């Protein structure tokens, strides 16, 4: 099965995005390993769970050279990545608010 250029491009773009996302989450874990936040569904989620989800998408983008993959596989991983990005944005917003509140209370 020959891959279309668009499908390969989308997978490569996804791989780069998820690698960056995993590194960012791991950086937060290094400084705040027990951080919990409210995800986009409103449920409390440990940062390590978000990292696990991101790593599973990252693993899905690791395809041996020459291996074939379907456009549906790429779309599935893209949808998972979008959900992870949304939860990561929620986590960063909550983290920023908590830091802002801490700084505001220290300046009084």
Foldseek 3Di string as FASTA:
>chain_A
DDDDPVLVVLLVVLLVVLVVVLVVLVVVCVVVVQDWFQFPVRDIDGSVVLSVLSVVLNVLSDDPPPDDDDSVSSVVSVVSSVRSVRRVVRSVVVVVVVVVVVVVVVVD
